[in-house]
Amino acid sequence: MSRISEEQVKHVAHLARLAITEEEAQKFTTQLDAIITFAEQLNELDTTGVKPTSHVLDMKNVLREDKSEPGLSQEEVLKNAPDQANGQIRVPSIIE
């Protein structure tokens, strides 16, 4: 017995604004039923004593310490500027 109907597949396709043919609806119904069957096998596993997790790996935020460091000097920055004037980088105007 199928756990998902062709009408349900067509309804979800309609909600997702996907145009599918009758053949595609039949194909997707078969494929989704196989996926649901596989997922239901997980219900047979004994998970007693297993703590719920949000990720399979023990993840922690690995961030550097937030401390200020010296930046580039004005002269070093302006060395790479294609156009400069009065100690500033000149860029093309975007406002008419």
PDB file of N, CA and C in Angstrom:
ATOM      1  N   MET A   1       0.837  -1.185   0.000  1.00  0.00           N
ATOM      2  CA  MET A   1       0.000   0.000   0.000  1.00  0.00           C
ATOM      3  C   MET A   1       0.883   1.250   0.000  1.00  0.00           C
ATOM      4  N   SER A   2       0.570   2.164  -0.842  1.00  0.00           N
ATOM      5  CA  SER A   2       1.351   3.391  -0.965  1.00  0.00           C
ATOM      6  C   SER A   2       1.066   4.323   0.201  1.00  0.00           C
ATOM      7  N   ARG A   3       2.100   4.936   0.728  1.00  0.00           N
ATOM      8  CA  ARG A   3       1.947   5.851   1.856  1.00  0.00           C
ATOM      9  C   ARG A   3       1.683   7.284   1.395  1.00  0.00           C
ATOM     10  N   ILE A   4       1.840   7.503   0.102  1.00  0.00           N
ATOM     11  CA  ILE A   4       1.594   8.819  -0.460  1.00  0.00           C
ATOM     12  C   ILE A   4       0.848   8.628  -1.781  1.00  0.00           C
ATOM     13  N   SER A   5      -0.138   9.441  -2.007  1.00  0.00           N
ATOM     14  CA  SER A   5      -0.950   9.288  -3.214  1.00  0.00           C
ATOM     15  C   SER A   5      -0.453  10.219  -4.317  1.00  0.00           C
ATOM     16  N   GLU A   6      -0.850   9.880  -5.519  1.00  0.00           N
ATOM     17  CA  GLU A   6      -0.496  10.704  -6.667  1.00  0.00           C
ATOM     18  C   GLU A   6      -1.118  12.091  -6.542  1.00  0.00           C
ATOM     19  N   GLU A   7      -2.292  12.157  -5.949  1.00  0.00           N
ATOM     20  CA  GLU A   7      -2.952  13.451  -5.749  1.00  0.00           C
ATOM     21  C   GLU A   7      -2.147  14.320  -4.787  1.00  0.00           C
ATOM     22  N   GLN A   8      -1.584  13.710  -3.748  1.00  0.00           N
ATOM     23  CA  GLN A   8      -0.757  14.467  -2.807  1.00  0.00           C
ATOM     24  C   GLN A   8       0.492  15.012  -3.497  1.00  0.00           C
ATOM     25  N   VAL A   9       1.091  14.196  -4.353  1.00  0.00           N
ATOM     26  CA  VAL A   9       2.278  14.634  -5.092  1.00  0.00           C
ATOM     27  C   VAL A   9       1.917  15.819  -5.996  1.00  0.00           C
ATOM     28  N   LYS A  10       0.790  15.713  -6.689  1.00  0.00           N
ATOM     29  CA  LYS A  10       0.351  16.802  -7.563  1.00  0.00           C
ATOM     30  C   LYS A  10       0.044  18.061  -6.748  1.00  0.00           C
ATOM     31  N   HIS A  11      -0.547  17.873  -5.564  1.00  0.00           N
ATOM     32  CA  HIS A  11      -0.875  19.024  -4.714  1.00  0.00           C
ATOM     33  C   HIS A  11       0.396  19.743  -4.262  1.00  0.00           C
ATOM     34  N   VAL A  12       1.381  18.987  -3.823  1.00  0.00           N
ATOM     35  CA  VAL A  12       2.640  19.586  -3.379  1.00  0.00           C
ATOM     36  C   VAL A  12       3.344  20.267  -4.560  1.00  0.00           C
ATOM     37  N   ALA A  13       3.293  19.639  -5.730  1.00  0.00           N
ATOM     38  CA  ALA A  13       3.891  20.255  -6.921  1.00  0.00           C
ATOM     39  C   ALA A  13       3.191  21.572  -7.237  1.00  0.00           C
ATOM     40  N   HIS A  14       1.879  21.587  -7.097  1.00  0.00           N
ATOM     41  CA  HIS A  14       1.120  22.819  -7.337  1.00  0.00           C
ATOM     42  C   HIS A  14       1.518  23.903  -6.333  1.00  0.00           C
ATOM     43  N   LEU A  15       1.647  23.528  -5.053  1.00  0.00           N
ATOM     44  CA  LEU A  15       2.050  24.501  -4.033  1.00  0.00           C
ATOM     45  C   LEU A  15       3.448  25.054  -4.311  1.00  0.00           C
ATOM     46  N   ALA A  16       4.308  24.201  -4.850  1.00  0.00           N
ATOM     47  CA  ALA A  16       5.674  24.623  -5.157  1.00  0.00           C
ATOM     48  C   ALA A  16       5.759  25.281  -6.537  1.00  0.00           C
ATOM     49  N   ARG A  17       4.623  25.421  -7.172  1.00  0.00           N
ATOM     50  CA  ARG A  17       4.534  26.025  -8.503  1.00  0.00           C
ATOM     51  C   ARG A  17       5.391  25.278  -9.515  1.00  0.00           C
ATOM     52  N   LEU A  18       5.307  23.933  -9.445  1.00  0.00           N
ATOM     53  CA  LEU A  18       6.022  23.077 -10.382  1.00  0.00           C
ATOM     54  C   LEU A  18       5.023  22.432 -11.328  1.00  0.00           C
ATOM     55  N   ALA A  19       5.296  22.485 -12.595  1.00  0.00           N
ATOM     56  CA  ALA A  19       4.450  21.814 -13.575  1.00  0.00           C
ATOM     57  C   ALA A  19       5.016  20.418 -13.802  1.00  0.00           C
ATOM     58  N   ILE A  20       4.232  19.384 -13.463  1.00  0.00           N
ATOM     59  CA  ILE A  20       4.686  18.013 -13.668  1.00  0.00           C
ATOM     60  C   ILE A  20       3.658  17.271 -14.523  1.00  0.00           C
ATOM     61  N   THR A  21       4.155  16.321 -15.287  1.00  0.00           N
ATOM     62  CA  THR A  21       3.284  15.527 -16.144  1.00  0.00           C
ATOM     63  C   THR A  21       2.722  14.360 -15.338  1.00  0.00           C
ATOM     64  N   GLU A  22       1.774  13.642 -15.946  1.00  0.00           N
ATOM     65  CA  GLU A  22       1.206  12.453 -15.292  1.00  0.00           C
ATOM     66  C   GLU A  22       2.294  11.412 -15.029  1.00  0.00           C
ATOM     67  N   GLU A  23       3.199  11.238 -16.003  1.00  0.00           N
ATOM     68  CA  GLU A  23       4.280  10.259 -15.844  1.00  0.00           C
ATOM     69  C   GLU A  23       5.209  10.654 -14.693  1.00  0.00           C
ATOM     70  N   GLU A  24       5.511  11.947 -14.599  1.00  0.00           N
ATOM     71  CA  GLU A  24       6.364  12.421 -13.502  1.00  0.00           C
ATOM     72  C   GLU A  24       5.666  12.245 -12.161  1.00  0.00           C
ATOM     73  N   ALA A  25       4.372  12.504 -12.116  1.00  0.00           N
ATOM     74  CA  ALA A  25       3.631  12.331 -10.861  1.00  0.00           C
ATOM     75  C   ALA A  25       3.682  10.883 -10.412  1.00  0.00           C
ATOM     76  N   GLN A  26       3.527   9.943 -11.349  1.00  0.00           N
ATOM     77  CA  GLN A  26       3.612   8.520 -11.004  1.00  0.00           C
ATOM     78  C   GLN A  26       5.015   8.158 -10.529  1.00  0.00           C
ATOM     79  N   LYS A  27       6.017   8.661 -11.239  1.00  0.00           N
ATOM     80  CA  LYS A  27       7.415   8.389 -10.885  1.00  0.00           C
ATOM     81  C   LYS A  27       7.733   8.941  -9.492  1.00  0.00           C
ATOM     82  N   PHE A  28       7.335  10.195  -9.232  1.00  0.00           N
ATOM     83  CA  PHE A  28       7.620  10.808  -7.939  1.00  0.00           C
ATOM     84  C   PHE A  28       6.862  10.117  -6.811  1.00  0.00           C
ATOM     85  N   THR A  29       5.644   9.642  -7.101  1.00  0.00           N
ATOM     86  CA  THR A  29       4.873   8.921  -6.084  1.00  0.00           C
ATOM     87  C   THR A  29       5.616   7.662  -5.673  1.00  0.00           C
ATOM     88  N   THR A  30       6.127   6.922  -6.643  1.00  0.00           N
ATOM     89  CA  THR A  30       6.888   5.701  -6.353  1.00  0.00           C
ATOM     90  C   THR A  30       8.162   6.019  -5.579  1.00  0.00           C
ATOM     91  N   GLN A  31       8.880   7.047  -6.006  1.00  0.00           N
ATOM     92  CA  GLN A  31      10.136   7.404  -5.345  1.00  0.00           C
ATOM     93  C   GLN A  31       9.902   7.897  -3.919  1.00  0.00           C
ATOM     94  N   LEU A  32       8.899   8.741  -3.734  1.00  0.00           N
ATOM     95  CA  LEU A  32       8.617   9.255  -2.387  1.00  0.00           C
ATOM     96  C   LEU A  32       8.131   8.148  -1.461  1.00  0.00           C
ATOM     97  N   ASP A  33       7.371   7.198  -2.001  1.00  0.00           N
ATOM     98  CA  ASP A  33       6.934   6.063  -1.187  1.00  0.00           C
ATOM     99  C   ASP A  33       8.131   5.241  -0.720  1.00  0.00           C
ATOM    100  N   ALA A  34       9.119   5.068  -1.584  1.00  0.00           N
ATOM    101  CA  ALA A  34      10.333   4.337  -1.199  1.00  0.00           C
ATOM    102  C   ALA A  34      11.098   5.094  -0.117  1.00  0.00           C
ATOM    103  N   ILE A  35      11.149   6.407  -0.220  1.00  0.00           N
ATOM    104  CA  ILE A  35      11.834   7.220   0.795  1.00  0.00           C
ATOM    105  C   ILE A  35      11.116   7.117   2.132  1.00  0.00           C
ATOM    106  N   ILE A  36       9.786   7.194   2.106  1.00  0.00           N
ATOM    107  CA  ILE A  36       9.003   7.092   3.346  1.00  0.00           C
ATOM    108  C   ILE A  36       9.185   5.712   3.971  1.00  0.00           C
ATOM    109  N   THR A  37       9.191   4.662   3.149  1.00  0.00           N
ATOM    110  CA  THR A  37       9.407   3.302   3.655  1.00  0.00           C
ATOM    111  C   THR A  37      10.760   3.207   4.342  1.00  0.00           C
ATOM    112  N   PHE A  38      11.786   3.768   3.725  1.00  0.00           N
ATOM    113  CA  PHE A  38      13.116   3.740   4.332  1.00  0.00           C
ATOM    114  C   PHE A  38      13.129   4.517   5.644  1.00  0.00           C
ATOM    115  N   ALA A  39      12.506   5.691   5.669  1.00  0.00           N
ATOM    116  CA  ALA A  39      12.486   6.505   6.887  1.00  0.00           C
ATOM    117  C   ALA A  39      11.727   5.798   8.002  1.00  0.00           C
ATOM    118  N   GLU A  40      10.691   5.036   7.656  1.00  0.00           N
ATOM    119  CA  GLU A  40       9.931   4.320   8.683  1.00  0.00           C
ATOM    120  C   GLU A  40      10.762   3.219   9.334  1.00  0.00           C
ATOM    121  N   GLN A  41      11.754   2.710   8.638  1.00  0.00           N
ATOM    122  CA  GLN A  41      12.634   1.704   9.231  1.00  0.00           C
ATOM    123  C   GLN A  41      13.386   2.279  10.432  1.00  0.00           C
ATOM    124  N   LEU A  42      13.608   3.565  10.429  1.00  0.00           N
ATOM    125  CA  LEU A  42      14.305   4.193  11.555  1.00  0.00           C
ATOM    126  C   LEU A  42      13.480   4.110  12.836  1.00  0.00           C
ATOM    127  N   ASN A  43      12.151   4.034  12.713  1.00  0.00           N
ATOM    128  CA  ASN A  43      11.293   3.916  13.894  1.00  0.00           C
ATOM    129  C   ASN A  43      11.491   2.594  14.611  1.00  0.00           C
ATOM    130  N   GLU A  44      12.059   1.599  13.938  1.00  0.00           N
ATOM    131  CA  GLU A  44      12.286   0.293  14.540  1.00  0.00           C
ATOM    132  C   GLU A  44      13.516   0.268  15.431  1.00  0.00           C
ATOM    133  N   LEU A  45      14.358   1.277  15.343  1.00  0.00           N
ATOM    134  CA  LEU A  45      15.578   1.326  16.150  1.00  0.00           C
ATOM    135  C   LEU A  45      15.253   1.667  17.595  1.00  0.00           C
ATOM    136  N   ASP A  46      15.965   1.018  18.521  1.00  0.00           N
ATOM    137  CA  ASP A  46      15.804   1.320  19.940  1.00  0.00           C
ATOM    138  C   ASP A  46      16.705   2.500  20.282  1.00  0.00           C
ATOM    139  N   THR A  47      16.089   3.619  20.574  1.00  0.00           N
ATOM    140  CA  THR A  47      16.856   4.827  20.901  1.00  0.00           C
ATOM    141  C   THR A  47      16.779   5.168  22.385  1.00  0.00           C
ATOM    142  N   THR A  48      16.423   4.195  23.193  1.00  0.00           N
ATOM    143  CA  THR A  48      16.363   4.417  24.633  1.00  0.00           C
ATOM    144  C   THR A  48      17.757   4.780  25.145  1.00  0.00           C
ATOM    145  N   GLY A  49      17.846   5.852  25.876  1.00  0.00           N
ATOM    146  CA  GLY A  49      19.112   6.272  26.452  1.00  0.00           C
ATOM    147  C   GLY A  49      19.979   7.089  25.510  1.00  0.00           C
ATOM    148  N   VAL A  50      19.511   7.339  24.313  1.00  0.00           N
ATOM    149  CA  VAL A  50      20.280   8.148  23.368  1.00  0.00           C
ATOM    150  C   VAL A  50      19.826   9.592  23.508  1.00  0.00           C
ATOM    151  N   LYS A  51      20.791  10.466  23.821  1.00  0.00           N
ATOM    152  CA  LYS A  51      20.443  11.874  24.001  1.00  0.00           C
ATOM    153  C   LYS A  51      20.151  12.521  22.659  1.00  0.00           C
ATOM    154  N   PRO A  52      19.109  13.363  22.603  1.00  0.00           N
ATOM    155  CA  PRO A  52      18.824  14.082  21.351  1.00  0.00           C
ATOM    156  C   PRO A  52      19.973  15.032  21.018  1.00  0.00           C
ATOM    157  N   THR A  53      20.278  15.128  19.747  1.00  0.00           N
ATOM    158  CA  THR A  53      21.331  16.030  19.296  1.00  0.00           C
ATOM    159  C   THR A  53      20.841  16.833  18.108  1.00  0.00           C
ATOM    160  N   SER A  54      21.479  17.951  17.897  1.00  0.00           N
ATOM    161  CA  SER A  54      21.155  18.752  16.724  1.00  0.00           C
ATOM    162  C   SER A  54      22.194  18.556  15.630  1.00  0.00           C
ATOM    163  N   HIS A  55      23.317  17.909  15.974  1.00  0.00           N
ATOM    164  CA  HIS A  55      24.379  17.676  15.008  1.00  0.00           C
ATOM    165  C   HIS A  55      25.116  16.417  15.420  1.00  0.00           C
ATOM    166  N   VAL A  56      25.575  15.638  14.461  1.00  0.00           N
ATOM    167  CA  VAL A  56      26.229  14.381  14.794  1.00  0.00           C
ATOM    168  C   VAL A  56      27.627  14.576  15.365  1.00  0.00           C
ATOM    169  N   LEU A  57      28.246  15.698  15.072  1.00  0.00           N
ATOM    170  CA  LEU A  57      29.576  15.976  15.594  1.00  0.00           C
ATOM    171  C   LEU A  57      29.480  16.945  16.766  1.00  0.00           C
ATOM    172  N   ASP A  58      30.406  16.820  17.704  1.00  0.00           N
ATOM    173  CA  ASP A  58      30.450  17.735  18.842  1.00  0.00           C
ATOM    174  C   ASP A  58      31.022  19.061  18.353  1.00  0.00           C
ATOM    175  N   MET A  59      30.148  19.986  18.013  1.00  0.00           N
ATOM    176  CA  MET A  59      30.566  21.262  17.440  1.00  0.00           C
ATOM    177  C   MET A  59      30.555  22.347  18.510  1.00  0.00           C
ATOM    178  N   LYS A  60      31.554  23.210  18.422  1.00  0.00           N
ATOM    179  CA  LYS A  60      31.638  24.361  19.303  1.00  0.00           C
ATOM    180  C   LYS A  60      32.013  25.555  18.451  1.00  0.00           C
ATOM    181  N   ASN A  61      31.611  26.733  18.881  1.00  0.00           N
ATOM    182  CA  ASN A  61      32.027  27.940  18.182  1.00  0.00           C
ATOM    183  C   ASN A  61      33.517  28.132  18.385  1.00  0.00           C
ATOM    184  N   VAL A  62      34.242  28.182  17.307  1.00  0.00           N
ATOM    185  CA  VAL A  62      35.677  28.394  17.379  1.00  0.00           C
ATOM    186  C   VAL A  62      35.938  29.781  16.801  1.00  0.00           C
ATOM    187  N   LEU A  63      35.992  30.748  17.665  1.00  0.00           N
ATOM    188  CA  LEU A  63      36.174  32.126  17.250  1.00  0.00           C
ATOM    189  C   LEU A  63      37.447  32.681  17.867  1.00  0.00           C
ATOM    190  N   ARG A  64      38.058  33.581  17.145  1.00  0.00           N
ATOM    191  CA  ARG A  64      39.256  34.205  17.701  1.00  0.00           C
ATOM    192  C   ARG A  64      38.845  35.231  18.746  1.00  0.00           C
ATOM    193  N   GLU A  65      39.761  35.574  19.608  1.00  0.00           N
ATOM    194  CA  GLU A  65      39.503  36.602  20.609  1.00  0.00           C
ATOM    195  C   GLU A  65      39.292  37.936  19.894  1.00  0.00           C
ATOM    196  N   ASP A  66      38.315  38.686  20.338  1.00  0.00           N
ATOM    197  CA  ASP A  66      38.001  39.966  19.709  1.00  0.00           C
ATOM    198  C   ASP A  66      38.921  41.030  20.283  1.00  0.00           C
ATOM    199  N   LYS A  67      40.015  41.284  19.570  1.00  0.00           N
ATOM    200  CA  LYS A  67      40.951  42.308  20.017  1.00  0.00           C
ATOM    201  C   LYS A  67      41.378  43.134  18.824  1.00  0.00           C
ATOM    202  N   SER A  68      41.635  44.387  19.062  1.00  0.00           N
ATOM    203  CA  SER A  68      42.024  45.269  17.963  1.00  0.00           C
ATOM    204  C   SER A  68      43.483  45.034  17.595  1.00  0.00           C
ATOM    205  N   GLU A  69      43.750  45.148  16.304  1.00  0.00           N
ATOM    206  CA  GLU A  69      45.108  44.999  15.803  1.00  0.00           C
ATOM    207  C   GLU A  69      45.377  46.161  14.858  1.00  0.00           C
ATOM    208  N   PRO A  70      46.613  46.552  14.734  1.00  0.00           N
ATOM    209  CA  PRO A  70      46.908  47.675  13.854  1.00  0.00           C
ATOM    210  C   PRO A  70      46.595  47.328  12.406  1.00  0.00           C
ATOM    211  N   GLY A  71      46.030  48.298  11.682  1.00  0.00           N
ATOM    212  CA  GLY A  71      45.710  48.111  10.275  1.00  0.00           C
ATOM    213  C   GLY A  71      46.814  48.658   9.399  1.00  0.00           C
ATOM    214  N   LEU A  72      46.507  48.761   8.114  1.00  0.00           N
ATOM    215  CA  LEU A  72      47.487  49.312   7.177  1.00  0.00           C
ATOM    216  C   LEU A  72      47.580  50.822   7.338  1.00  0.00           C
ATOM    217  N   SER A  73      48.746  51.327   7.053  1.00  0.00           N
ATOM    218  CA  SER A  73      48.908  52.788   7.086  1.00  0.00           C
ATOM    219  C   SER A  73      48.274  53.374   5.830  1.00  0.00           C
ATOM    220  N   GLN A  74      48.015  54.665   5.867  1.00  0.00           N
ATOM    221  CA  GLN A  74      47.389  55.347   4.727  1.00  0.00           C
ATOM    222  C   GLN A  74      48.270  55.217   3.478  1.00  0.00           C
ATOM    223  N   GLU A  75      49.560  55.301   3.656  1.00  0.00           N
ATOM    224  CA  GLU A  75      50.471  55.195   2.524  1.00  0.00           C
ATOM    225  C   GLU A  75      50.404  53.804   1.890  1.00  0.00           C
ATOM    226  N   GLU A  76      50.328  52.774   2.714  1.00  0.00           N
ATOM    227  CA  GLU A  76      50.251  51.405   2.186  1.00  0.00           C
ATOM    228  C   GLU A  76      48.948  51.177   1.420  1.00  0.00           C
ATOM    229  N   VAL A  77      47.857  51.720   1.922  1.00  0.00           N
ATOM    230  CA  VAL A  77      46.569  51.561   1.253  1.00  0.00           C
ATOM    231  C   VAL A  77      46.581  52.274  -0.087  1.00  0.00           C
ATOM    232  N   LEU A  78      47.115  53.486  -0.101  1.00  0.00           N
ATOM    233  CA  LEU A  78      47.104  54.278  -1.332  1.00  0.00           C
ATOM    234  C   LEU A  78      48.056  53.750  -2.398  1.00  0.00           C
ATOM    235  N   LYS A  79      49.024  52.889  -2.028  1.00  0.00           N
ATOM    236  CA  LYS A  79      49.921  52.291  -3.012  1.00  0.00           C
ATOM    237  C   LYS A  79      49.132  51.460  -4.031  1.00  0.00           C
ATOM    238  N   ASN A  80      48.061  50.818  -3.590  1.00  0.00           N
ATOM    239  CA  ASN A  80      47.275  49.942  -4.457  1.00  0.00           C
ATOM    240  C   ASN A  80      46.091  50.646  -5.109  1.00  0.00           C
ATOM    241  N   ALA A  81      45.866  51.890  -4.783  1.00  0.00           N
ATOM    242  CA  ALA A  81      44.727  52.616  -5.338  1.00  0.00           C
ATOM    243  C   ALA A  81      45.046  53.060  -6.765  1.00  0.00           C
ATOM    244  N   PRO A  82      44.160  52.745  -7.731  1.00  0.00           N
ATOM    245  CA  PRO A  82      44.430  53.156  -9.109  1.00  0.00           C
ATOM    246  C   PRO A  82      44.317  54.662  -9.303  1.00  0.00           C
ATOM    247  N   ASP A  83      43.515  55.329  -8.465  1.00  0.00           N
ATOM    248  CA  ASP A  83      43.357  56.776  -8.584  1.00  0.00           C
ATOM    249  C   ASP A  83      43.217  57.348  -7.176  1.00  0.00           C
ATOM    250  N   GLN A  84      43.947  58.403  -6.885  1.00  0.00           N
ATOM    251  CA  GLN A  84      43.901  58.987  -5.543  1.00  0.00           C
ATOM    252  C   GLN A  84      44.056  60.500  -5.626  1.00  0.00           C
ATOM    253  N   ALA A  85      43.559  61.155  -4.589  1.00  0.00           N
ATOM    254  CA  ALA A  85      43.700  62.610  -4.507  1.00  0.00           C
ATOM    255  C   ALA A  85      43.564  63.029  -3.058  1.00  0.00           C
ATOM    256  N   ASN A  86      44.453  63.867  -2.597  1.00  0.00           N
ATOM    257  CA  ASN A  86      44.420  64.414  -1.237  1.00  0.00           C
ATOM    258  C   ASN A  86      44.363  63.324  -0.170  1.00  0.00           C
ATOM    259  N   GLY A  87      45.111  62.243  -0.370  1.00  0.00           N
ATOM    260  CA  GLY A  87      45.158  61.183   0.620  1.00  0.00           C
ATOM    261  C   GLY A  87      43.927  60.291   0.652  1.00  0.00           C
ATOM    262  N   GLN A  88      43.100  60.358  -0.375  1.00  0.00           N
ATOM    263  CA  GLN A  88      41.894  59.536  -0.433  1.00  0.00           C
ATOM    264  C   GLN A  88      41.838  58.784  -1.759  1.00  0.00           C
ATOM    265  N   ILE A  89      41.116  57.652  -1.761  1.00  0.00           N
ATOM    266  CA  ILE A  89      40.936  56.889  -2.992  1.00  0.00           C
ATOM    267  C   ILE A  89      39.806  57.503  -3.783  1.00  0.00           C
ATOM    268  N   ARG A  90      40.061  57.802  -5.066  1.00  0.00           N
ATOM    269  CA  ARG A  90      39.016  58.366  -5.926  1.00  0.00           C
ATOM    270  C   ARG A  90      38.325  57.224  -6.652  1.00  0.00           C
ATOM    271  N   VAL A  91      36.994  57.302  -6.683  1.00  0.00           N
ATOM    272  CA  VAL A  91      36.184  56.309  -7.395  1.00  0.00           C
ATOM    273  C   VAL A  91      35.261  57.032  -8.355  1.00  0.00           C
ATOM    274  N   PRO A  92      34.791  56.350  -9.396  1.00  0.00           N
ATOM    275  CA  PRO A  92      33.879  56.989 -10.329  1.00  0.00           C
ATOM    276  C   PRO A  92      32.575  57.369  -9.638  1.00  0.00           C
ATOM    277  N   SER A  93      32.000  58.474 -10.057  1.00  0.00           N
ATOM    278  CA  SER A  93      30.732  58.928  -9.500  1.00  0.00           C
ATOM    279  C   SER A  93      29.612  58.029  -9.997  1.00  0.00           C
ATOM    280  N   ILE A  94      28.685  57.663  -9.105  1.00  0.00           N
ATOM    281  CA  ILE A  94      27.549  56.832  -9.491  1.00  0.00           C
ATOM    282  C   ILE A  94      26.241  57.612  -9.438  1.00  0.00           C
ATOM    283  N   ILE A  95      26.315  58.825  -8.949  1.00  0.00           N
ATOM    284  CA  ILE A  95      25.121  59.674  -8.846  1.00  0.00           C
ATOM    285  C   ILE A  95      25.226  60.742  -9.919  1.00  0.00           C
ATOM    286  N   GLU A  96      24.177  60.880 -10.709  1.00  0.00           N
ATOM    287  CA  GLU A  96      24.208  61.875 -11.789  1.00  0.00           C
ATOM    288  C   GLU A  96      23.676  63.198 -11.317  1.00  0.00           C
TER     289      GLU A  96
END
